[in-house]
């Protein structure tokens, strides 16, 4: 069953185009750090934080640890970490056990990103308004993460 879900997620990711201003995002299903599948859509979330590297993930994790447990939900934010380049043994032995200690929900992308805009070593911030991409930002410093929510 888990393999079928991952194949479905992969197909959804591979069939998409990289989002740009004015685009809509079709709902997609991603697992969280506990392997629970969630349908992600712009009706429930207005801000997508997407991390593609260990450094940006660490910065986001440090930021979120300082916030309340309901920060993401209260601000209609979904946090997605693309871990496709991480070896599977590292994921299962080290990364997932650490991620399961987080006090917030973390969505995981196990396949190469083909949907979300990305720039080297930055956090992608995609904001939606009326179910359409309203803005795309690339945040390189932890201090800048706070400005997203002001």
C-alpha atoms as a PDB file:
ATOM      1  CA  UNK A   1       0.000   0.000   0.000  1.00  0.00           C
ATOM      2  CA  UNK A   2       2.784   2.423   0.932  1.00  0.00           C
ATOM      3  CA  UNK A   3       4.481   1.780  -2.436  1.00  0.00           C
ATOM      4  CA  UNK A   4       1.229   2.545  -4.288  1.00  0.00           C
ATOM      5  CA  UNK A   5       0.904   5.843  -2.434  1.00  0.00           C
ATOM      6  CA  UNK A   6       4.500   6.811  -3.222  1.00  0.00           C
ATOM      7  CA  UNK A   7       3.993   5.900  -6.898  1.00  0.00           C
ATOM      8  CA  UNK A   8       0.849   8.047  -6.971  1.00  0.00           C
ATOM      9  CA  UNK A   9       2.688  10.972  -5.374  1.00  0.00           C
ATOM     10  CA  UNK A  10       5.496  10.530  -7.870  1.00  0.00           C
ATOM     11  CA  UNK A  11       3.098  10.569 -10.818  1.00  0.00           C
ATOM     12  CA  UNK A  12       1.452  13.736  -9.543  1.00  0.00           C
ATOM     13  CA  UNK A  13       4.822  15.443  -9.102  1.00  0.00           C
ATOM     14  CA  UNK A  14       6.185  14.356 -12.478  1.00  0.00           C
ATOM     15  CA  UNK A  15       3.134  15.447 -14.441  1.00  0.00           C
ATOM     16  CA  UNK A  16       3.157  18.992 -13.081  1.00  0.00           C
ATOM     17  CA  UNK A  17       4.822  22.132 -14.336  1.00  0.00           C
ATOM     18  CA  UNK A  18       6.820  24.516 -12.165  1.00  0.00           C
ATOM     19  CA  UNK A  19       4.426  27.051 -10.669  1.00  0.00           C
ATOM     20  CA  UNK A  20       4.530  30.685 -11.750  1.00  0.00           C
ATOM     21  CA  UNK A  21       2.510  33.797 -10.881  1.00  0.00           C
ATOM     22  CA  UNK A  22      -1.170  33.329 -11.757  1.00  0.00           C
ATOM     23  CA  UNK A  23      -1.038  29.513 -11.826  1.00  0.00           C
ATOM     24  CA  UNK A  24      -3.317  27.287  -9.806  1.00  0.00           C
ATOM     25  CA  UNK A  25      -2.068  24.254  -7.907  1.00  0.00           C
ATOM     26  CA  UNK A  26      -3.969  21.020  -8.283  1.00  0.00           C
ATOM     27  CA  UNK A  27      -4.353  19.194  -4.962  1.00  0.00           C
ATOM     28  CA  UNK A  28      -1.487  16.821  -4.290  1.00  0.00           C
ATOM     29  CA  UNK A  29      -0.939  14.116  -1.706  1.00  0.00           C
ATOM     30  CA  UNK A  30       2.210  14.015   0.380  1.00  0.00           C
ATOM     31  CA  UNK A  31       3.191  12.038   3.461  1.00  0.00           C
ATOM     32  CA  UNK A  32       4.180  13.726   6.684  1.00  0.00           C
ATOM     33  CA  UNK A  33       7.036  12.608   8.924  1.00  0.00           C
ATOM     34  CA  UNK A  34       4.758   9.909  10.395  1.00  0.00           C
ATOM     35  CA  UNK A  35       3.869   8.497   6.933  1.00  0.00           C
ATOM     36  CA  UNK A  36       0.316   9.850   7.135  1.00  0.00           C
ATOM     37  CA  UNK A  37      -0.817  10.987   3.692  1.00  0.00           C
ATOM     38  CA  UNK A  38      -2.299  14.504   3.471  1.00  0.00           C
ATOM     39  CA  UNK A  39      -4.002  16.199   0.551  1.00  0.00           C
ATOM     40  CA  UNK A  40      -2.405  19.604   0.104  1.00  0.00           C
ATOM     41  CA  UNK A  41      -4.441  22.314  -1.601  1.00  0.00           C
ATOM     42  CA  UNK A  42      -4.787  26.066  -1.682  1.00  0.00           C
ATOM     43  CA  UNK A  43      -8.198  25.981   0.004  1.00  0.00           C
ATOM     44  CA  UNK A  44      -6.491  24.957   3.248  1.00  0.00           C
ATOM     45  CA  UNK A  45      -3.119  26.673   2.834  1.00  0.00           C
ATOM     46  CA  UNK A  46      -2.180  30.148   1.617  1.00  0.00           C
ATOM     47  CA  UNK A  47       1.596  29.922   2.078  1.00  0.00           C
ATOM     48  CA  UNK A  48       3.840  27.054   0.996  1.00  0.00           C
ATOM     49  CA  UNK A  49       7.337  26.900   2.478  1.00  0.00           C
ATOM     50  CA  UNK A  50       9.415  24.475   0.417  1.00  0.00           C
ATOM     51  CA  UNK A  51      12.926  23.486   1.435  1.00  0.00           C
ATOM     52  CA  UNK A  52      15.380  21.728  -0.869  1.00  0.00           C
ATOM     53  CA  UNK A  53      18.531  21.505   1.251  1.00  0.00           C
ATOM     54  CA  UNK A  54      19.647  20.516   4.728  1.00  0.00           C
ATOM     55  CA  UNK A  55      20.791  24.065   5.511  1.00  0.00           C
ATOM     56  CA  UNK A  56      17.476  25.722   4.636  1.00  0.00           C
ATOM     57  CA  UNK A  57      15.579  22.959   6.432  1.00  0.00           C
ATOM     58  CA  UNK A  58      17.636  23.587   9.558  1.00  0.00           C
ATOM     59  CA  UNK A  59      16.914  27.310   9.374  1.00  0.00           C
ATOM     60  CA  UNK A  60      13.162  26.719   9.002  1.00  0.00           C
ATOM     61  CA  UNK A  61      13.194  24.142  11.802  1.00  0.00           C
ATOM     62  CA  UNK A  62      14.993  26.582  14.118  1.00  0.00           C
ATOM     63  CA  UNK A  63      12.438  29.260  13.238  1.00  0.00           C
ATOM     64  CA  UNK A  64       9.444  26.958  13.810  1.00  0.00           C
ATOM     65  CA  UNK A  65      10.791  25.619  17.105  1.00  0.00           C
ATOM     66  CA  UNK A  66      10.493  29.165  18.501  1.00  0.00           C
ATOM     67  CA  UNK A  67       6.835  29.382  17.452  1.00  0.00           C
ATOM     68  CA  UNK A  68       3.801  27.737  19.011  1.00  0.00           C
ATOM     69  CA  UNK A  69       2.707  24.250  18.002  1.00  0.00           C
ATOM     70  CA  UNK A  70      -0.213  25.710  16.040  1.00  0.00           C
ATOM     71  CA  UNK A  71       1.810  28.356  14.175  1.00  0.00           C
ATOM     72  CA  UNK A  72       1.635  26.706  10.735  1.00  0.00           C
ATOM     73  CA  UNK A  73      -2.070  25.904  10.970  1.00  0.00           C
ATOM     74  CA  UNK A  74      -2.985  29.301  12.423  1.00  0.00           C
ATOM     75  CA  UNK A  75      -1.151  31.072   9.579  1.00  0.00           C
ATOM     76  CA  UNK A  76      -2.441  28.670   6.869  1.00  0.00           C
ATOM     77  CA  UNK A  77       1.115  27.545   6.089  1.00  0.00           C
ATOM     78  CA  UNK A  78       2.295  24.164   4.868  1.00  0.00           C
ATOM     79  CA  UNK A  79       5.965  23.269   5.221  1.00  0.00           C
ATOM     80  CA  UNK A  80       7.344  20.826   2.645  1.00  0.00           C
ATOM     81  CA  UNK A  81      10.828  19.353   2.677  1.00  0.00           C
ATOM     82  CA  UNK A  82      12.159  17.766  -0.483  1.00  0.00           C
ATOM     83  CA  UNK A  83      14.324  14.859   0.666  1.00  0.00           C
ATOM     84  CA  UNK A  84      14.661  13.058  -2.674  1.00  0.00           C
ATOM     85  CA  UNK A  85      18.462  13.398  -2.798  1.00  0.00           C
ATOM     86  CA  UNK A  86      18.932  11.886   0.647  1.00  0.00           C
ATOM     87  CA  UNK A  87      19.940   8.191   0.612  1.00  0.00           C
ATOM     88  CA  UNK A  88      17.102   5.960   1.825  1.00  0.00           C
ATOM     89  CA  UNK A  89      19.141   4.485   4.682  1.00  0.00           C
ATOM     90  CA  UNK A  90      19.856   8.023   5.955  1.00  0.00           C
ATOM     91  CA  UNK A  91      16.164   8.860   5.742  1.00  0.00           C
ATOM     92  CA  UNK A  92      15.060   5.796   7.700  1.00  0.00           C
ATOM     93  CA  UNK A  93      17.896   5.627  10.242  1.00  0.00           C
ATOM     94  CA  UNK A  94      18.518   9.295  10.977  1.00  0.00           C
ATOM     95  CA  UNK A  95      16.248  11.852   9.292  1.00  0.00           C
ATOM     96  CA  UNK A  96      12.787  10.424  10.014  1.00  0.00           C
ATOM     97  CA  UNK A  97      13.472   9.690  13.702  1.00  0.00           C
ATOM     98  CA  UNK A  98      14.677  13.290  14.113  1.00  0.00           C
ATOM     99  CA  UNK A  99      11.724  14.699  12.141  1.00  0.00           C
ATOM    100  CA  UNK A 100       9.268  12.747  14.279  1.00  0.00           C
ATOM    101  CA  UNK A 101      10.414  14.800  17.269  1.00  0.00           C
ATOM    102  CA  UNK A 102       9.270  18.046  15.613  1.00  0.00           C
ATOM    103  CA  UNK A 103       6.227  19.659  17.207  1.00  0.00           C
ATOM    104  CA  UNK A 104       4.739  20.554  13.836  1.00  0.00           C
ATOM    105  CA  UNK A 105       3.611  18.735  10.712  1.00  0.00           C
ATOM    106  CA  UNK A 106       6.267  18.398   8.020  1.00  0.00           C
ATOM    107  CA  UNK A 107       5.279  17.221   4.532  1.00  0.00           C
ATOM    108  CA  UNK A 108       7.896  15.207   2.662  1.00  0.00           C
ATOM    109  CA  UNK A 109       8.683  15.001  -1.039  1.00  0.00           C
ATOM    110  CA  UNK A 110      10.532  11.788  -1.834  1.00  0.00           C
ATOM    111  CA  UNK A 111      10.826  12.513  -5.552  1.00  0.00           C
ATOM    112  CA  UNK A 112      12.585  15.245  -7.478  1.00  0.00           C
ATOM    113  CA  UNK A 113      10.674  18.519  -7.461  1.00  0.00           C
ATOM    114  CA  UNK A 114       8.911  19.474 -10.691  1.00  0.00           C
ATOM    115  CA  UNK A 115       6.197  21.703  -9.233  1.00  0.00           C
ATOM    116  CA  UNK A 116       7.658  24.289  -6.885  1.00  0.00           C
ATOM    117  CA  UNK A 117      10.042  27.029  -8.028  1.00  0.00           C
ATOM    118  CA  UNK A 118      13.465  26.713  -6.464  1.00  0.00           C
ATOM    119  CA  UNK A 119      16.788  28.503  -6.299  1.00  0.00           C
ATOM    120  CA  UNK A 120      20.021  27.065  -4.934  1.00  0.00           C
ATOM    121  CA  UNK A 121      20.285  26.980  -1.136  1.00  0.00           C
ATOM    122  CA  UNK A 122      17.143  29.042  -0.566  1.00  0.00           C
ATOM    123  CA  UNK A 123      13.730  28.483   0.933  1.00  0.00           C
ATOM    124  CA  UNK A 124      10.957  28.800  -1.642  1.00  0.00           C
ATOM    125  CA  UNK A 125       7.949  30.753  -0.395  1.00  0.00           C
ATOM    126  CA  UNK A 126       4.887  30.488  -2.613  1.00  0.00           C
ATOM    127  CA  UNK A 127       1.865  32.567  -1.580  1.00  0.00           C
ATOM    128  CA  UNK A 128      -1.630  31.982  -2.914  1.00  0.00           C
ATOM    129  CA  UNK A 129      -4.585  34.335  -3.132  1.00  0.00           C
ATOM    130  CA  UNK A 130      -7.952  33.162  -4.471  1.00  0.00           C
ATOM    131  CA  UNK A 131      -6.322  29.781  -5.241  1.00  0.00           C
ATOM    132  CA  UNK A 132      -3.756  31.328  -7.609  1.00  0.00           C
ATOM    133  CA  UNK A 133      -0.037  31.923  -7.119  1.00  0.00           C
ATOM    134  CA  UNK A 134       0.193  35.516  -5.922  1.00  0.00           C
ATOM    135  CA  UNK A 135       3.925  35.703  -5.173  1.00  0.00           C
ATOM    136  CA  UNK A 136       7.096  33.638  -5.234  1.00  0.00           C
ATOM    137  CA  UNK A 137      10.032  34.520  -2.994  1.00  0.00           C
ATOM    138  CA  UNK A 138      13.365  32.898  -2.237  1.00  0.00           C
ATOM    139  CA  UNK A 139      14.572  33.380   1.333  1.00  0.00           C
ATOM    140  CA  UNK A 140      18.244  32.810   2.074  1.00  0.00           C
ATOM    141  CA  UNK A 141      18.554  33.930   5.727  1.00  0.00           C
ATOM    142  CA  UNK A 142      16.685  32.794   8.817  1.00  0.00           C
ATOM    143  CA  UNK A 143      15.975  36.389   9.822  1.00  0.00           C
ATOM    144  CA  UNK A 144      14.099  36.859   6.583  1.00  0.00           C
ATOM    145  CA  UNK A 145      11.671  34.058   7.394  1.00  0.00           C
ATOM    146  CA  UNK A 146       9.946  36.272   9.977  1.00  0.00           C
ATOM    147  CA  UNK A 147       9.175  38.889   7.304  1.00  0.00           C
ATOM    148  CA  UNK A 148       6.940  36.402   5.495  1.00  0.00           C
ATOM    149  CA  UNK A 149       4.429  36.663   8.328  1.00  0.00           C
ATOM    150  CA  UNK A 150       4.444  40.452   8.855  1.00  0.00           C
END
